[in-house]
Amino acid sequence: MNQNEFKLINGVWLPRVTHILNIISKGKAYENWLKKNTKEESEKLSQEALDKGSGWHNWLERVGLGEELDPALLPEIEQKWGKAFLEWVDLNVKRFIEVERAVYTDGYCGTLDSVVELKDHKIALLDYKTSRHVYDTYSLQVSAYRHAYQNMTKTPIDTAFILRFDKSSGKMEVKEIVELDYHYNIFQHALELWRWKNKEVLNGLS
C-alpha cells in the first residue's frame, strides 16, 4: 500500500487528503507543465520538489518546536524564505500549539503543518507550500485538516493561512483562507467523487 496515498489507522486504511484532492484538476497551468515534460521527467521533477520541500518543512517544523535557527545557514533561496517566515511569525504569532500533527476522521486522514495562536488570540491553521501557485484545492485541504483536528481535540480553529514559498523569487506569499465551513462542504463532495472513482480500490481494502 502506497503510504503517500493511504494510512492504516485503527485497522482501517484511510486515504490521505492530498490523494483525495488529486481527483480535482489543478488547472491549465499545471496541465501545460505536464504536457511539456515526459512522464519520467515529470516524476523526477516532482520527486526533487518533494525532497526539497521535505528539507524545508523540517526547518519550519524546528522553528515551530521552539528552536532558534539562523536562516543564513540555509541554502541560498531558502535564506530568503527563512527570513520572511521568521518576520511573519514575529509579527503575527503568539505561540505554536501543534507542529506536524497527524489528524484523521471518518473517511480520510492527513498531517497538518502547524496550529498557532495569533496575537489577536485567534487560533489559526498554517499550511506550508513550495508550489508554483496557490491552487484552489489548498482551501479544501486546510478545511479538511481543520475539521479533523477539531473533531479530535475539540479545539475550534478560527482561520487558516497558506504560506507559499516561491522558488524563483524567494518571496513568501501569505493567503488567508476564509469561509472554511463552505470549503469543507466542497471537500466532502470531492471525497464522495473520489470514493465513487475508487470503489474497486476501496473494496480491495475492506
Protein backbone atom coordinates (compact mmCIF):
# COMPACT_ATOMS: atom_id res chain seq x y z
CA MET A 1 0.00 0.00 0.00
CA ASN A 2 1.36 3.41 -1.01
CA GLN A 3 1.97 5.36 2.21
CA ASN A 4 1.68 8.63 0.27
CA GLU A 5 -1.91 7.75 -0.60
CA PHE A 6 -3.24 5.77 2.37
CA LYS A 7 -2.51 5.30 6.06
CA LEU A 8 -3.59 2.45 8.32
CA ILE A 9 -5.42 3.89 11.34
CA ASN A 10 -7.21 1.73 13.89
CA GLY A 11 -7.21 -1.17 11.46
CA VAL A 12 -8.70 0.86 8.58
CA TRP A 13 -6.88 2.13 5.50
CA LEU A 14 -7.79 5.81 5.14
CA PRO A 15 -6.96 7.91 2.06
CA ARG A 16 -4.86 10.99 2.65
CA VAL A 17 -6.42 14.37 1.93
CA THR A 18 -3.79 15.20 -0.70
CA HIS A 19 -4.52 11.93 -2.51
CA ILE A 20 -8.27 12.57 -2.45
CA LEU A 21 -7.83 16.04 -3.93
CA ASN A 22 -5.95 14.66 -6.92
CA ILE A 23 -9.46 13.96 -8.24
CA ILE A 24 -9.66 17.71 -8.96
CA SER A 25 -7.65 19.30 -11.78
CA LYS A 26 -5.04 21.84 -10.70
CA GLY A 27 -5.89 23.90 -13.76
CA LYS A 28 -4.47 24.73 -17.18
CA ALA A 29 -1.08 25.93 -15.94
CA TYR A 30 -0.37 22.62 -14.23
CA GLU A 31 -1.70 20.60 -17.16
CA ASN A 32 0.50 22.57 -19.58
CA TRP A 33 3.52 21.90 -17.35
CA LEU A 34 2.79 18.16 -17.53
CA LYS A 35 2.47 18.33 -21.32
CA LYS A 36 5.87 19.99 -21.65
CA ASN A 37 7.58 17.17 -19.76
CA THR A 38 7.69 13.45 -20.36
CA LYS A 39 6.25 11.19 -17.67
CA GLU A 40 9.76 10.33 -16.42
CA GLU A 41 10.84 13.98 -16.36
CA SER A 42 7.64 15.00 -14.54
CA GLU A 43 8.11 12.27 -11.93
CA LYS A 44 11.76 13.26 -11.46
CA LEU A 45 10.92 16.95 -11.06
CA SER A 46 8.07 16.12 -8.69
CA GLN A 47 10.39 13.95 -6.57
CA GLU A 48 13.06 16.66 -6.50
CA ALA A 49 10.43 19.18 -5.38
CA LEU A 50 9.22 16.73 -2.73
CA ASP A 51 12.75 16.15 -1.42
CA LYS A 52 13.46 19.88 -1.28
CA GLY A 53 10.09 20.57 0.29
CA SER A 54 10.72 17.94 2.96
CA GLY A 55 14.01 19.55 3.99
CA TRP A 56 12.42 22.98 4.12
CA HIS A 57 9.41 21.63 6.02
CA ASN A 58 11.83 20.14 8.55
CA TRP A 59 13.33 23.60 9.14
CA LEU A 60 9.86 25.10 9.58
CA GLU A 61 8.96 22.30 11.99
CA ARG A 62 12.03 23.01 14.11
CA VAL A 63 11.07 26.68 14.31
CA GLY A 64 7.60 25.66 15.45
CA LEU A 65 9.13 23.44 18.12
CA GLY A 66 10.94 26.45 19.56
CA GLU A 67 14.45 26.15 18.13
CA GLU A 68 16.24 29.42 17.40
CA LEU A 69 17.55 28.95 13.87
CA ASP A 70 19.62 31.23 11.68
CA PRO A 71 18.26 31.46 8.12
CA ALA A 72 21.73 32.45 6.92
CA LEU A 73 22.73 28.79 7.34
CA LEU A 74 20.10 27.63 4.84
CA PRO A 75 20.67 27.12 1.08
CA GLU A 76 20.59 30.42 -0.83
CA ILE A 77 16.94 30.50 -1.94
CA GLU A 78 15.74 29.24 1.44
CA GLN A 79 17.58 32.01 3.26
CA LYS A 80 15.03 34.49 1.88
CA TRP A 81 12.19 32.15 2.81
CA GLY A 82 13.53 31.70 6.33
CA LYS A 83 13.91 35.42 6.93
CA ALA A 84 10.40 36.16 5.61
CA PHE A 85 8.88 33.35 7.68
CA LEU A 86 10.56 34.43 10.92
CA GLU A 87 9.46 38.03 10.35
CA TRP A 88 5.87 36.92 9.73
CA VAL A 89 5.86 34.72 12.82
CA ASP A 90 7.33 37.52 14.96
CA LEU A 91 4.66 39.92 13.73
CA ASN A 92 1.64 37.62 13.90
CA VAL A 93 2.14 34.52 16.07
CA LYS A 94 1.85 34.40 19.85
CA ARG A 95 2.69 30.69 20.17
CA PHE A 96 2.76 27.40 18.29
CA ILE A 97 0.19 24.89 19.55
CA GLU A 98 0.77 21.98 17.17
CA VAL A 99 3.52 21.08 14.73
CA GLU A 100 3.30 18.29 12.14
CA ARG A 101 0.13 16.89 13.72
CA ALA A 102 -1.39 13.74 12.24
CA VAL A 103 -5.18 14.08 12.01
CA TYR A 104 -7.97 11.79 10.91
CA THR A 105 -11.72 11.44 10.97
CA ASP A 106 -14.28 9.25 9.24
CA GLY A 107 -13.18 8.73 5.67
CA TYR A 108 -9.78 10.45 5.47
CA CYS A 109 -6.53 11.39 7.19
CA GLY A 110 -3.59 13.75 6.78
CA THR A 111 -0.85 15.70 8.51
CA LEU A 112 -1.28 19.42 9.15
CA ASP A 113 1.79 21.65 9.29
CA SER A 114 1.02 23.89 12.27
CA VAL A 115 -1.69 25.25 14.52
CA VAL A 116 -0.89 28.57 16.18
CA GLU A 117 -2.40 31.15 18.44
CA LEU A 118 -2.19 34.53 16.75
CA LYS A 119 -1.51 37.75 18.60
CA ASP A 120 -5.16 38.71 18.16
CA HIS A 121 -5.98 35.47 20.09
CA LYS A 122 -7.48 33.68 17.09
CA ILE A 123 -6.46 30.06 16.52
CA ALA A 124 -5.10 29.51 13.01
CA LEU A 125 -4.04 26.54 10.94
CA LEU A 126 -0.93 27.10 8.82
CA ASP A 127 -0.13 25.14 5.68
CA TYR A 128 3.29 25.49 4.03
CA LYS A 129 3.73 25.17 0.26
CA THR A 130 6.62 25.36 -2.21
CA SER A 131 4.38 25.09 -5.27
CA ARG A 132 4.26 27.38 -8.30
CA HIS A 133 0.82 28.72 -7.39
CA VAL A 134 -1.73 28.83 -4.59
CA TYR A 135 -4.08 26.26 -6.08
CA ASP A 136 -7.82 26.30 -5.37
CA THR A 137 -7.62 22.85 -3.80
CA TYR A 138 -5.49 24.19 -0.95
CA SER A 139 -8.59 25.76 0.59
CA LEU A 140 -10.25 22.34 0.58
CA GLN A 141 -7.15 20.73 2.06
CA VAL A 142 -6.91 23.06 5.05
CA SER A 143 -10.66 22.88 5.65
CA ALA A 144 -10.42 19.08 5.82
CA TYR A 145 -7.50 19.25 8.27
CA ARG A 146 -9.40 21.78 10.35
CA HIS A 147 -12.49 19.58 10.56
CA ALA A 148 -10.48 16.51 11.57
CA TYR A 149 -8.42 18.44 14.13
CA GLN A 150 -11.50 19.98 15.71
CA ASN A 151 -13.14 16.56 15.94
CA MET A 152 -10.06 15.09 17.62
CA THR A 153 -9.20 17.90 20.03
CA LYS A 154 -12.46 19.84 20.43
CA THR A 155 -10.35 22.96 19.84
CA PRO A 156 -12.03 25.45 17.47
CA ILE A 157 -9.89 26.81 14.65
CA ASP A 158 -10.90 30.32 13.57
CA THR A 159 -8.97 30.72 10.35
CA ALA A 160 -6.29 29.23 8.10
CA PHE A 161 -3.35 30.56 6.12
CA ILE A 162 -1.43 29.24 3.14
CA LEU A 163 2.22 30.28 3.30
CA ARG A 164 3.69 29.70 -0.15
CA PHE A 165 7.44 29.95 -0.67
CA ASP A 166 8.22 30.90 -4.25
CA LYS A 167 11.17 29.03 -5.77
CA SER A 168 12.08 31.66 -8.35
CA SER A 169 11.80 34.91 -6.39
CA GLY A 170 12.48 33.71 -2.86
CA LYS A 171 9.41 35.57 -1.66
CA MET A 172 6.77 34.26 0.74
CA GLU A 173 3.13 34.65 -0.27
CA VAL A 174 0.53 34.62 2.50
CA LYS A 175 -3.11 33.89 1.74
CA GLU A 176 -5.82 33.65 4.36
CA ILE A 177 -8.50 31.06 3.61
CA VAL A 178 -11.96 32.30 4.53
CA GLU A 179 -15.33 30.51 4.61
CA LEU A 180 -13.76 27.30 5.92
CA ASP A 181 -17.12 25.64 6.56
CA TYR A 182 -18.11 26.28 2.95
CA HIS A 183 -14.83 24.84 1.67
CA TYR A 184 -15.24 21.77 3.87
CA ASN A 185 -18.63 21.18 2.29
CA ILE A 186 -16.96 21.24 -1.13
CA PHE A 187 -14.28 18.85 0.15
CA GLN A 188 -17.00 16.39 1.19
CA HIS A 189 -18.31 16.39 -2.38
CA ALA A 190 -14.76 15.75 -3.64
CA LEU A 191 -14.46 12.88 -1.15
CA GLU A 192 -17.68 11.34 -2.44
CA LEU A 193 -16.45 11.69 -6.02
CA TRP A 194 -13.14 10.09 -5.05
CA ARG A 195 -14.94 7.18 -3.36
CA TRP A 196 -17.05 6.64 -6.47
CA LYS A 197 -13.99 6.72 -8.72
CA ASN A 198 -12.02 4.38 -6.43
CA LYS A 199 -14.74 1.97 -5.37
CA GLU A 200 -12.76 -1.06 -6.61
CA VAL A 201 -9.71 0.03 -4.62
CA LEU A 202 -11.82 0.55 -1.51
CA ASN A 203 -13.46 -2.85 -1.93
CA GLY A 204 -10.00 -4.39 -2.05
CA LEU A 205 -9.04 -2.72 1.23
CA SER A 206 -12.12 -3.87 3.15
